PDB file of N, CA and C in Angstrom:
ATOM      1  N   MET A   1      21.606 -12.477  -9.146  1.00  0.00           N
ATOM      2  CA  MET A   1      21.077 -11.174  -9.525  1.00  0.00           C
ATOM      3  C   MET A   1      22.049 -10.101  -9.052  1.00  0.00           C
ATOM      4  N   SER A   2      22.192  -9.073  -9.842  1.00  0.00           N
ATOM      5  CA  SER A   2      23.137  -7.997  -9.511  1.00  0.00           C
ATOM      6  C   SER A   2      22.399  -6.728  -9.103  1.00  0.00           C
ATOM      7  N   LEU A   3      21.550  -6.834  -8.131  1.00  0.00           N
ATOM      8  CA  LEU A   3      20.723  -5.720  -7.673  1.00  0.00           C
ATOM      9  C   LEU A   3      21.575  -4.624  -7.042  1.00  0.00           C
ATOM     10  N   SER A   4      21.334  -3.369  -7.468  1.00  0.00           N
ATOM     11  CA  SER A   4      22.057  -2.249  -6.872  1.00  0.00           C
ATOM     12  C   SER A   4      21.285  -0.946  -7.085  1.00  0.00           C
ATOM     13  N   TRP A   5      21.591   0.036  -6.244  1.00  0.00           N
ATOM     14  CA  TRP A   5      21.017   1.373  -6.393  1.00  0.00           C
ATOM     15  C   TRP A   5      21.854   2.151  -7.392  1.00  0.00           C
ATOM     16  N   GLN A   6      21.202   2.983  -8.194  1.00  0.00           N
ATOM     17  CA  GLN A   6      21.879   3.882  -9.113  1.00  0.00           C
ATOM     18  C   GLN A   6      21.208   5.242  -9.041  1.00  0.00           C
ATOM     19  N   THR A   7      21.927   6.257  -9.502  1.00  0.00           N
ATOM     20  CA  THR A   7      21.332   7.574  -9.676  1.00  0.00           C
ATOM     21  C   THR A   7      21.242   7.834 -11.161  1.00  0.00           C
ATOM     22  N   TYR A   8      20.041   8.156 -11.620  1.00  0.00           N
ATOM     23  CA  TYR A   8      19.833   8.479 -13.028  1.00  0.00           C
ATOM     24  C   TYR A   8      19.778   9.997 -13.150  1.00  0.00           C
ATOM     25  N   ALA A   9      20.593  10.542 -14.040  1.00  0.00           N
ATOM     26  CA  ALA A   9      20.656  11.992 -14.245  1.00  0.00           C
ATOM     27  C   ALA A   9      20.324  12.305 -15.702  1.00  0.00           C
ATOM     28  N   PRO A  10      19.053  12.587 -15.999  1.00  0.00           N
ATOM     29  CA  PRO A  10      18.673  12.932 -17.369  1.00  0.00           C
ATOM     30  C   PRO A  10      19.234  14.301 -17.762  1.00  0.00           C
ATOM     31  N   PRO A  11      19.209  14.619 -19.044  1.00  0.00           N
ATOM     32  CA  PRO A  11      19.764  15.896 -19.512  1.00  0.00           C
ATOM     33  C   PRO A  11      19.145  17.142 -18.872  1.00  0.00           C
ATOM     34  N   ASP A  12      17.896  17.048 -18.378  1.00  0.00           N
ATOM     35  CA  ASP A  12      17.257  18.230 -17.782  1.00  0.00           C
ATOM     36  C   ASP A  12      17.818  18.569 -16.397  1.00  0.00           C
ATOM     37  N   GLY A  13      18.678  17.700 -15.872  1.00  0.00           N
ATOM     38  CA  GLY A  13      19.347  18.004 -14.617  1.00  0.00           C
ATOM     39  C   GLY A  13      18.672  17.495 -13.359  1.00  0.00           C
ATOM     40  N   ASP A  14      17.453  17.013 -13.433  1.00  0.00           N
ATOM     41  CA  ASP A  14      16.755  16.483 -12.261  1.00  0.00           C
ATOM     42  C   ASP A  14      17.056  14.998 -12.116  1.00  0.00           C
ATOM     43  N   SER A  15      17.884  14.638 -11.157  1.00  0.00           N
ATOM     44  CA  SER A  15      18.266  13.244 -10.980  1.00  0.00           C
ATOM     45  C   SER A  15      17.357  12.552  -9.970  1.00  0.00           C
ATOM     46  N   TYR A  16      17.335  11.234 -10.048  1.00  0.00           N
ATOM     47  CA  TYR A  16      16.558  10.433  -9.102  1.00  0.00           C
ATOM     48  C   TYR A  16      17.190   9.046  -8.992  1.00  0.00           C
ATOM     49  N   ARG A  17      16.826   8.354  -7.936  1.00  0.00           N
ATOM     50  CA  ARG A  17      17.362   7.018  -7.686  1.00  0.00           C
ATOM     51  C   ARG A  17      16.545   5.982  -8.433  1.00  0.00           C
ATOM     52  N   GLN A  18      17.245   4.930  -8.853  1.00  0.00           N
ATOM     53  CA  GLN A  18      16.578   3.802  -9.470  1.00  0.00           C
ATOM     54  C   GLN A  18      17.290   2.525  -9.039  1.00  0.00           C
ATOM     55  N   ILE A  19      16.632   1.415  -9.251  1.00  0.00           N
ATOM     56  CA  ILE A  19      17.214   0.118  -8.919  1.00  0.00           C
ATOM     57  C   ILE A  19      17.656  -0.545 -10.217  1.00  0.00           C
ATOM     58  N   LEU A  20      18.918  -0.946 -10.275  1.00  0.00           N
ATOM     59  CA  LEU A  20      19.389  -1.750 -11.384  1.00  0.00           C
ATOM     60  C   LEU A  20      19.163  -3.209 -11.004  1.00  0.00           C
ATOM     61  N   VAL A  21      18.219  -3.852 -11.674  1.00  0.00           N
ATOM     62  CA  VAL A  21      17.918  -5.256 -11.400  1.00  0.00           C
ATOM     63  C   VAL A  21      18.942  -6.143 -12.098  1.00  0.00           C
ATOM     64  N   SER A  22      19.271  -5.791 -13.336  1.00  0.00           N
ATOM     65  CA  SER A  22      20.245  -6.561 -14.102  1.00  0.00           C
ATOM     66  C   SER A  22      20.839  -5.682 -15.199  1.00  0.00           C
ATOM     67  N   PRO A  23      22.163  -5.751 -15.409  1.00  0.00           N
ATOM     68  CA  PRO A  23      22.759  -4.992 -16.506  1.00  0.00           C
ATOM     69  C   PRO A  23      22.498  -5.647 -17.873  1.00  0.00           C
ATOM     70  N   LYS A  24      21.949  -6.860 -17.852  1.00  0.00           N
ATOM     71  CA  LYS A  24      21.634  -7.577 -19.084  1.00  0.00           C
ATOM     72  C   LYS A  24      20.130  -7.554 -19.321  1.00  0.00           C
ATOM     73  N   SER A  25      19.734  -7.358 -20.570  1.00  0.00           N
ATOM     74  CA  SER A  25      18.301  -7.332 -20.877  1.00  0.00           C
ATOM     75  C   SER A  25      17.842  -8.734 -21.260  1.00  0.00           C
ATOM     76  N   SER A  26      17.120  -9.347 -20.360  1.00  0.00           N
ATOM     77  CA  SER A  26      16.568 -10.675 -20.571  1.00  0.00           C
ATOM     78  C   SER A  26      15.065 -10.586 -20.340  1.00  0.00           C
ATOM     79  N   LYS A  27      14.281 -10.973 -21.348  1.00  0.00           N
ATOM     80  CA  LYS A  27      12.825 -10.924 -21.172  1.00  0.00           C
ATOM     81  C   LYS A  27      12.370 -11.891 -20.092  1.00  0.00           C
ATOM     82  N   LEU A  28      13.011 -13.032 -19.993  1.00  0.00           N
ATOM     83  CA  LEU A  28      12.663 -13.986 -18.940  1.00  0.00           C
ATOM     84  C   LEU A  28      12.885 -13.365 -17.568  1.00  0.00           C
ATOM     85  N   ARG A  29      14.026 -12.714 -17.380  1.00  0.00           N
ATOM     86  CA  ARG A  29      14.307 -12.047 -16.103  1.00  0.00           C
ATOM     87  C   ARG A  29      13.333 -10.893 -15.885  1.00  0.00           C
ATOM     88  N   PHE A  30      12.966 -10.152 -16.930  1.00  0.00           N
ATOM     89  CA  PHE A  30      12.000  -9.062 -16.829  1.00  0.00           C
ATOM     90  C   PHE A  30      10.661  -9.590 -16.302  1.00  0.00           C
ATOM     91  N   TYR A  31      10.163 -10.658 -16.896  1.00  0.00           N
ATOM     92  CA  TYR A  31       8.867 -11.220 -16.470  1.00  0.00           C
ATOM     93  C   TYR A  31       8.942 -11.789 -15.061  1.00  0.00           C
ATOM     94  N   TRP A  32      10.074 -12.408 -14.710  1.00  0.00           N
ATOM     95  CA  TRP A  32      10.256 -12.911 -13.355  1.00  0.00           C
ATOM     96  C   TRP A  32      10.237 -11.746 -12.358  1.00  0.00           C
ATOM     97  N   THR A  33      10.917 -10.660 -12.720  1.00  0.00           N
ATOM     98  CA  THR A  33      10.949  -9.459 -11.873  1.00  0.00           C
ATOM     99  C   THR A  33       9.547  -8.878 -11.728  1.00  0.00           C
ATOM    100  N   ALA A  34       8.801  -8.839 -12.813  1.00  0.00           N
ATOM    101  CA  ALA A  34       7.434  -8.317 -12.777  1.00  0.00           C
ATOM    102  C   ALA A  34       6.561  -9.118 -11.813  1.00  0.00           C
ATOM    103  N   LEU A  35       6.649 -10.423 -11.867  1.00  0.00           N
ATOM    104  CA  LEU A  35       5.865 -11.262 -10.953  1.00  0.00           C
ATOM    105  C   LEU A  35       6.291 -11.052  -9.508  1.00  0.00           C
ATOM    106  N   LYS A  36       7.595 -10.998  -9.283  1.00  0.00           N
ATOM    107  CA  LYS A  36       8.115 -10.787  -7.916  1.00  0.00           C
ATOM    108  C   LYS A  36       7.618  -9.460  -7.346  1.00  0.00           C
ATOM    109  N   LEU A  37       7.649  -8.390  -8.151  1.00  0.00           N
ATOM    110  CA  LEU A  37       7.159  -7.090  -7.696  1.00  0.00           C
ATOM    111  C   LEU A  37       5.653  -7.100  -7.470  1.00  0.00           C
ATOM    112  N   GLN A  38       4.912  -7.653  -8.418  1.00  0.00           N
ATOM    113  CA  GLN A  38       3.452  -7.668  -8.308  1.00  0.00           C
ATOM    114  C   GLN A  38       2.989  -8.377  -7.043  1.00  0.00           C
ATOM    115  N   PHE A  39       3.522  -9.558  -6.797  1.00  0.00           N
ATOM    116  CA  PHE A  39       3.075 -10.315  -5.628  1.00  0.00           C
ATOM    117  C   PHE A  39       3.735  -9.838  -4.339  1.00  0.00           C
ATOM    118  N   GLY A  40       4.996  -9.409  -4.409  1.00  0.00           N
ATOM    119  CA  GLY A  40       5.693  -8.923  -3.217  1.00  0.00           C
ATOM    120  C   GLY A  40       5.138  -7.612  -2.693  1.00  0.00           C
ATOM    121  N   LEU A  41       4.664  -6.748  -3.610  1.00  0.00           N
ATOM    122  CA  LEU A  41       4.131  -5.438  -3.224  1.00  0.00           C
ATOM    123  C   LEU A  41       2.609  -5.392  -3.258  1.00  0.00           C
ATOM    124  N   LYS A  42       2.002  -6.477  -3.731  1.00  0.00           N
ATOM    125  CA  LYS A  42       0.538  -6.550  -3.862  1.00  0.00           C
ATOM    126  C   LYS A  42       0.013  -5.410  -4.744  1.00  0.00           C
ATOM    127  N   GLY A  43       0.657  -5.271  -5.901  1.00  0.00           N
ATOM    128  CA  GLY A  43       0.320  -4.191  -6.820  1.00  0.00           C
ATOM    129  C   GLY A  43      -0.475  -4.656  -8.023  1.00  0.00           C
ATOM    130  N   VAL A  44      -0.868  -3.684  -8.826  1.00  0.00           N
ATOM    131  CA  VAL A  44      -1.632  -3.921 -10.052  1.00  0.00           C
ATOM    132  C   VAL A  44      -0.902  -3.229 -11.197  1.00  0.00           C
ATOM    133  N   TRP A  45      -0.699  -3.940 -12.289  1.00  0.00           N
ATOM    134  CA  TRP A  45      -0.070  -3.337 -13.462  1.00  0.00           C
ATOM    135  C   TRP A  45      -1.077  -2.446 -14.156  1.00  0.00           C
ATOM    136  N   LYS A  46      -0.797  -1.153 -14.217  1.00  0.00           N
ATOM    137  CA  LYS A  46      -1.726  -0.180 -14.799  1.00  0.00           C
ATOM    138  C   LYS A  46      -1.423   0.111 -16.259  1.00  0.00           C
ATOM    139  N   GLU A  47      -0.179   0.063 -16.636  1.00  0.00           N
ATOM    140  CA  GLU A  47       0.225   0.406 -18.004  1.00  0.00           C
ATOM    141  C   GLU A  47       1.303  -0.579 -18.427  1.00  0.00           C
ATOM    142  N   ARG A  48       1.148  -1.134 -19.613  1.00  0.00           N
ATOM    143  CA  ARG A  48       2.152  -2.045 -20.177  1.00  0.00           C
ATOM    144  C   ARG A  48       2.427  -1.607 -21.609  1.00  0.00           C
ATOM    145  N   VAL A  49       3.584  -1.029 -21.810  1.00  0.00           N
ATOM    146  CA  VAL A  49       3.972  -0.540 -23.128  1.00  0.00           C
ATOM    147  C   VAL A  49       5.286  -1.210 -23.484  1.00  0.00           C
ATOM    148  N   GLY A  50       5.388  -1.703 -24.697  1.00  0.00           N
ATOM    149  CA  GLY A  50       6.641  -2.329 -25.058  1.00  0.00           C
ATOM    150  C   GLY A  50       6.779  -2.637 -26.522  1.00  0.00           C
ATOM    151  N   GLU A  51       8.028  -2.769 -26.891  1.00  0.00           N
ATOM    152  CA  GLU A  51       8.412  -3.164 -28.235  1.00  0.00           C
ATOM    153  C   GLU A  51       9.416  -4.294 -28.091  1.00  0.00           C
ATOM    154  N   THR A  52      10.154  -4.541 -29.131  1.00  0.00           N
ATOM    155  CA  THR A  52      11.146  -5.611 -29.099  1.00  0.00           C
ATOM    156  C   THR A  52      12.291  -5.307 -28.131  1.00  0.00           C
ATOM    157  N   ASP A  53      12.818  -4.090 -28.183  1.00  0.00           N
ATOM    158  CA  ASP A  53      14.009  -3.746 -27.405  1.00  0.00           C
ATOM    159  C   ASP A  53      13.744  -2.927 -26.147  1.00  0.00           C
ATOM    160  N   THR A  54      12.535  -2.416 -25.985  1.00  0.00           N
ATOM    161  CA  THR A  54      12.217  -1.561 -24.843  1.00  0.00           C
ATOM    162  C   THR A  54      10.825  -1.902 -24.322  1.00  0.00           C
ATOM    163  N   ILE A  55      10.734  -2.087 -22.995  1.00  0.00           N
ATOM    164  CA  ILE A  55       9.443  -2.371 -22.354  1.00  0.00           C
ATOM    165  C   ILE A  55       9.328  -1.498 -21.114  1.00  0.00           C
ATOM    166  N   TYR A  56       8.161  -0.885 -20.907  1.00  0.00           N
ATOM    167  CA  TYR A  56       7.843  -0.117 -19.694  1.00  0.00           C
ATOM    168  C   TYR A  56       6.543  -0.661 -19.112  1.00  0.00           C
ATOM    169  N   TRP A  57       6.563  -1.069 -17.853  1.00  0.00           N
ATOM    170  CA  TRP A  57       5.349  -1.486 -17.150  1.00  0.00           C
ATOM    171  C   TRP A  57       5.243  -0.657 -15.870  1.00  0.00           C
ATOM    172  N   ASP A  58       4.062  -0.070 -15.624  1.00  0.00           N
ATOM    173  CA  ASP A  58       3.818   0.734 -14.422  1.00  0.00           C
ATOM    174  C   ASP A  58       3.034  -0.070 -13.399  1.00  0.00           C
ATOM    175  N   LEU A  59       3.612  -0.204 -12.198  1.00  0.00           N
ATOM    176  CA  LEU A  59       2.969  -0.937 -11.105  1.00  0.00           C
ATOM    177  C   LEU A  59       2.404   0.060 -10.104  1.00  0.00           C
ATOM    178  N   ARG A  60       1.119  -0.068  -9.836  1.00  0.00           N
ATOM    179  CA  ARG A  60       0.418   0.829  -8.913  1.00  0.00           C
ATOM    180  C   ARG A  60       0.136   0.094  -7.606  1.00  0.00           C
ATOM    181  N   VAL A  61       0.517   0.741  -6.496  1.00  0.00           N
ATOM    182  CA  VAL A  61       0.228   0.236  -5.154  1.00  0.00           C
ATOM    183  C   VAL A  61      -0.292   1.423  -4.355  1.00  0.00           C
ATOM    184  N   GLY A  62      -1.577   1.433  -4.048  1.00  0.00           N
ATOM    185  CA  GLY A  62      -2.170   2.581  -3.363  1.00  0.00           C
ATOM    186  C   GLY A  62      -2.055   3.821  -4.228  1.00  0.00           C
ATOM    187  N   ASP A  63      -1.452   4.883  -3.674  1.00  0.00           N
ATOM    188  CA  ASP A  63      -1.274   6.137  -4.404  1.00  0.00           C
ATOM    189  C   ASP A  63       0.088   6.235  -5.091  1.00  0.00           C
ATOM    190  N   ALA A  64       0.869   5.183  -5.026  1.00  0.00           N
ATOM    191  CA  ALA A  64       2.237   5.211  -5.549  1.00  0.00           C
ATOM    192  C   ALA A  64       2.364   4.363  -6.819  1.00  0.00           C
ATOM    193  N   THR A  65       3.290   4.784  -7.674  1.00  0.00           N
ATOM    194  CA  THR A  65       3.544   4.049  -8.913  1.00  0.00           C
ATOM    195  C   THR A  65       5.047   3.988  -9.184  1.00  0.00           C
ATOM    196  N   ILE A  66       5.503   2.790  -9.549  1.00  0.00           N
ATOM    197  CA  ILE A  66       6.874   2.604  -9.993  1.00  0.00           C
ATOM    198  C   ILE A  66       6.851   1.971 -11.378  1.00  0.00           C
ATOM    199  N   THR A  67       7.936   2.136 -12.118  1.00  0.00           N
ATOM    200  CA  THR A  67       8.028   1.606 -13.473  1.00  0.00           C
ATOM    201  C   THR A  67       9.129   0.560 -13.552  1.00  0.00           C
ATOM    202  N   LEU A  68       8.781  -0.580 -14.121  1.00  0.00           N
ATOM    203  CA  LEU A  68       9.744  -1.622 -14.442  1.00  0.00           C
ATOM    204  C   LEU A  68      10.112  -1.425 -15.910  1.00  0.00           C
ATOM    205  N   HIS A  69      11.402  -1.325 -16.195  1.00  0.00           N
ATOM    206  CA  HIS A  69      11.863  -0.964 -17.539  1.00  0.00           C
ATOM    207  C   HIS A  69      12.926  -1.938 -18.035  1.00  0.00           C
ATOM    208  N   LEU A  70      12.727  -2.440 -19.247  1.00  0.00           N
ATOM    209  CA  LEU A  70      13.742  -3.229 -19.918  1.00  0.00           C
ATOM    210  C   LEU A  70      14.226  -2.442 -21.126  1.00  0.00           C
ATOM    211  N   GLU A  71      15.519  -2.259 -21.211  1.00  0.00           N
ATOM    212  CA  GLU A  71      16.143  -1.578 -22.347  1.00  0.00           C
ATOM    213  C   GLU A  71      17.244  -2.493 -22.861  1.00  0.00           C
ATOM    214  N   HIS A  72      17.191  -2.824 -24.126  1.00  0.00           N
ATOM    215  CA  HIS A  72      18.116  -3.791 -24.708  1.00  0.00           C
ATOM    216  C   HIS A  72      19.579  -3.512 -24.346  1.00  0.00           C
ATOM    217  N   PHE A  73      20.015  -2.263 -24.398  1.00  0.00           N
ATOM    218  CA  PHE A  73      21.419  -1.925 -24.146  1.00  0.00           C
ATOM    219  C   PHE A  73      21.722  -1.588 -22.689  1.00  0.00           C
ATOM    220  N   LEU A  74      20.703  -1.334 -21.865  1.00  0.00           N
ATOM    221  CA  LEU A  74      20.932  -0.887 -20.485  1.00  0.00           C
ATOM    222  C   LEU A  74      20.546  -1.901 -19.424  1.00  0.00           C
ATOM    223  N   GLY A  75      19.768  -2.906 -19.786  1.00  0.00           N
ATOM    224  CA  GLY A  75      19.354  -3.905 -18.818  1.00  0.00           C
ATOM    225  C   GLY A  75      17.958  -3.634 -18.266  1.00  0.00           C
ATOM    226  N   ILE A  76      17.754  -4.037 -17.012  1.00  0.00           N
ATOM    227  CA  ILE A  76      16.440  -3.940 -16.363  1.00  0.00           C
ATOM    228  C   ILE A  76      16.549  -3.026 -15.147  1.00  0.00           C
ATOM    229  N   THR A  77      15.675  -2.021 -15.085  1.00  0.00           N
ATOM    230  CA  THR A  77      15.667  -1.085 -13.961  1.00  0.00           C
ATOM    231  C   THR A  77      14.249  -0.907 -13.428  1.00  0.00           C
ATOM    232  N   VAL A  78      14.173  -0.385 -12.209  1.00  0.00           N
ATOM    233  CA  VAL A  78      12.905   0.001 -11.584  1.00  0.00           C
ATOM    234  C   VAL A  78      13.107   1.418 -11.061  1.00  0.00           C
ATOM    235  N   PHE A  79      12.143   2.301 -11.354  1.00  0.00           N
ATOM    236  CA  PHE A  79      12.279   3.692 -10.918  1.00  0.00           C
ATOM    237  C   PHE A  79      10.905   4.284 -10.636  1.00  0.00           C
ATOM    238  N   PRO A  80      10.842   5.402  -9.874  1.00  0.00           N
ATOM    239  CA  PRO A  80       9.566   6.066  -9.649  1.00  0.00           C
ATOM    240  C   PRO A  80       9.040   6.566 -10.999  1.00  0.00           C
ATOM    241  N   THR A  81       7.802   6.297 -11.299  1.00  0.00           N
ATOM    242  CA  THR A  81       7.230   6.630 -12.595  1.00  0.00           C
ATOM    243  C   THR A  81       7.372   8.101 -12.938  1.00  0.00           C
ATOM    244  N   GLU A  82       7.256   8.969 -11.960  1.00  0.00           N
ATOM    245  CA  GLU A  82       7.350  10.410 -12.209  1.00  0.00           C
ATOM    246  C   GLU A  82       8.791  10.908 -12.205  1.00  0.00           C
ATOM    247  N   GLY A  83       9.756  10.006 -12.069  1.00  0.00           N
ATOM    248  CA  GLY A  83      11.161  10.395 -12.048  1.00  0.00           C
ATOM    249  C   GLY A  83      11.488  11.293 -10.872  1.00  0.00           C
ATOM    250  N   ALA A  84      12.177  12.390 -11.136  1.00  0.00           N
ATOM    251  CA  ALA A  84      12.594  13.313 -10.073  1.00  0.00           C
ATOM    252  C   ALA A  84      11.413  14.016  -9.421  1.00  0.00           C
ATOM    253  N   LYS A  85      10.266  14.061 -10.086  1.00  0.00           N
ATOM    254  CA  LYS A  85       9.076  14.717  -9.534  1.00  0.00           C
ATOM    255  C   LYS A  85       8.171  13.734  -8.787  1.00  0.00           C
ATOM    256  N   ALA A  86       8.705  12.563  -8.475  1.00  0.00           N
ATOM    257  CA  ALA A  86       7.926  11.515  -7.817  1.00  0.00           C
ATOM    258  C   ALA A  86       7.447  11.946  -6.435  1.00  0.00           C
ATOM    259  N   SER A  87       6.279  11.456  -6.090  1.00  0.00           N
ATOM    260  CA  SER A  87       5.732  11.701  -4.753  1.00  0.00           C
ATOM    261  C   SER A  87       6.541  10.919  -3.725  1.00  0.00           C
ATOM    262  N   ASP A  88       6.416  11.326  -2.464  1.00  0.00           N
ATOM    263  CA  ASP A  88       7.081  10.594  -1.387  1.00  0.00           C
ATOM    264  C   ASP A  88       6.608   9.140  -1.356  1.00  0.00           C
ATOM    265  N   ALA A  89       5.337   8.923  -1.669  1.00  0.00           N
ATOM    266  CA  ALA A  89       4.781   7.560  -1.675  1.00  0.00           C
ATOM    267  C   ALA A  89       5.462   6.696  -2.734  1.00  0.00           C
ATOM    268  N   SER A  90       5.735   7.251  -3.904  1.00  0.00           N
ATOM    269  CA  SER A  90       6.399   6.491  -4.965  1.00  0.00           C
ATOM    270  C   SER A  90       7.853   6.199  -4.617  1.00  0.00           C
ATOM    271  N   VAL A  91       8.523   7.155  -3.983  1.00  0.00           N
ATOM    272  CA  VAL A  91       9.906   6.943  -3.547  1.00  0.00           C
ATOM    273  C   VAL A  91       9.950   5.852  -2.486  1.00  0.00           C
ATOM    274  N   GLU A  92       8.998   5.862  -1.569  1.00  0.00           N
ATOM    275  CA  GLU A  92       8.911   4.821  -0.538  1.00  0.00           C
ATOM    276  C   GLU A  92       8.611   3.465  -1.168  1.00  0.00           C
ATOM    277  N   LEU A  93       7.744   3.440  -2.171  1.00  0.00           N
ATOM    278  CA  LEU A  93       7.431   2.191  -2.866  1.00  0.00           C
ATOM    279  C   LEU A  93       8.681   1.630  -3.547  1.00  0.00           C
ATOM    280  N   LEU A  94       9.520   2.494  -4.076  1.00  0.00           N
ATOM    281  CA  LEU A  94      10.769   2.046  -4.681  1.00  0.00           C
ATOM    282  C   LEU A  94      11.650   1.358  -3.632  1.00  0.00           C
ATOM    283  N   ALA A  95      11.726   1.918  -2.444  1.00  0.00           N
ATOM    284  CA  ALA A  95      12.491   1.294  -1.356  1.00  0.00           C
ATOM    285  C   ALA A  95      11.895  -0.061  -0.975  1.00  0.00           C
ATOM    286  N   GLN A  96      10.576  -0.143  -0.959  1.00  0.00           N
ATOM    287  CA  GLN A  96       9.911  -1.419  -0.672  1.00  0.00           C
ATOM    288  C   GLN A  96      10.195  -2.435  -1.776  1.00  0.00           C
ATOM    289  N   ALA A  97      10.267  -1.967  -3.014  1.00  0.00           N
ATOM    290  CA  ALA A  97      10.582  -2.847  -4.136  1.00  0.00           C
ATOM    291  C   ALA A  97      11.981  -3.438  -3.958  1.00  0.00           C
ATOM    292  N   TYR A  98      12.918  -2.620  -3.538  1.00  0.00           N
ATOM    293  CA  TYR A  98      14.275  -3.118  -3.302  1.00  0.00           C
ATOM    294  C   TYR A  98      14.258  -4.219  -2.243  1.00  0.00           C
ATOM    295  N   ALA A  99      13.487  -4.003  -1.193  1.00  0.00           N
ATOM    296  CA  ALA A  99      13.409  -4.978  -0.111  1.00  0.00           C
ATOM    297  C   ALA A  99      12.794  -6.302  -0.568  1.00  0.00           C
ATOM    298  N   VAL A 100      11.936  -6.268  -1.560  1.00  0.00           N
ATOM    299  CA  VAL A 100      11.317  -7.488  -2.080  1.00  0.00           C
ATOM    300  C   VAL A 100      12.390  -8.442  -2.608  1.00  0.00           C
ATOM    301  N   PHE A 101      13.474  -7.899  -3.145  1.00  0.00           N
ATOM    302  CA  PHE A 101      14.515  -8.723  -3.731  1.00  0.00           C
ATOM    303  C   PHE A 101      15.560  -9.211  -2.738  1.00  0.00           C
ATOM    304  N   GLU A 102      15.592  -8.641  -1.553  1.00  0.00           N
ATOM    305  CA  GLU A 102      16.616  -9.037  -0.570  1.00  0.00           C
ATOM    306  C   GLU A 102      16.337 -10.385   0.016  1.00  0.00           C
TER     307      GLU A 102
END
C-alpha cells in the first residue's frame, strides 16, 4: 500500500489534508479499505453514494465524519467530510484513520 498524506487545494482556496490510500482505483482495495476503517475505528457508514467511476462513503464515529473516496483517475483517498470546514473531531478522526493502516 502506498499510504501518504496529501494537501488538497480546491479552486475556492480552502485547502485541507487527506490520506492517499492508493494512486490506483481498485474496487477491491476500496472495499478492503472500507472494512479496515469501519472495524479499526468502530464506525458506521452513514452515506454510500457511487457510480462506476466514482464512489463516496461517509464513515461516522461519534461526532466526527470522514469520507472514503474512489475516483477512477485519482485513486483512493480519505478526507474530512466537511473538507476545510471540518470540525476538530473530524480532523482527529482522519489522523486515527491513518494510524489504522500503520
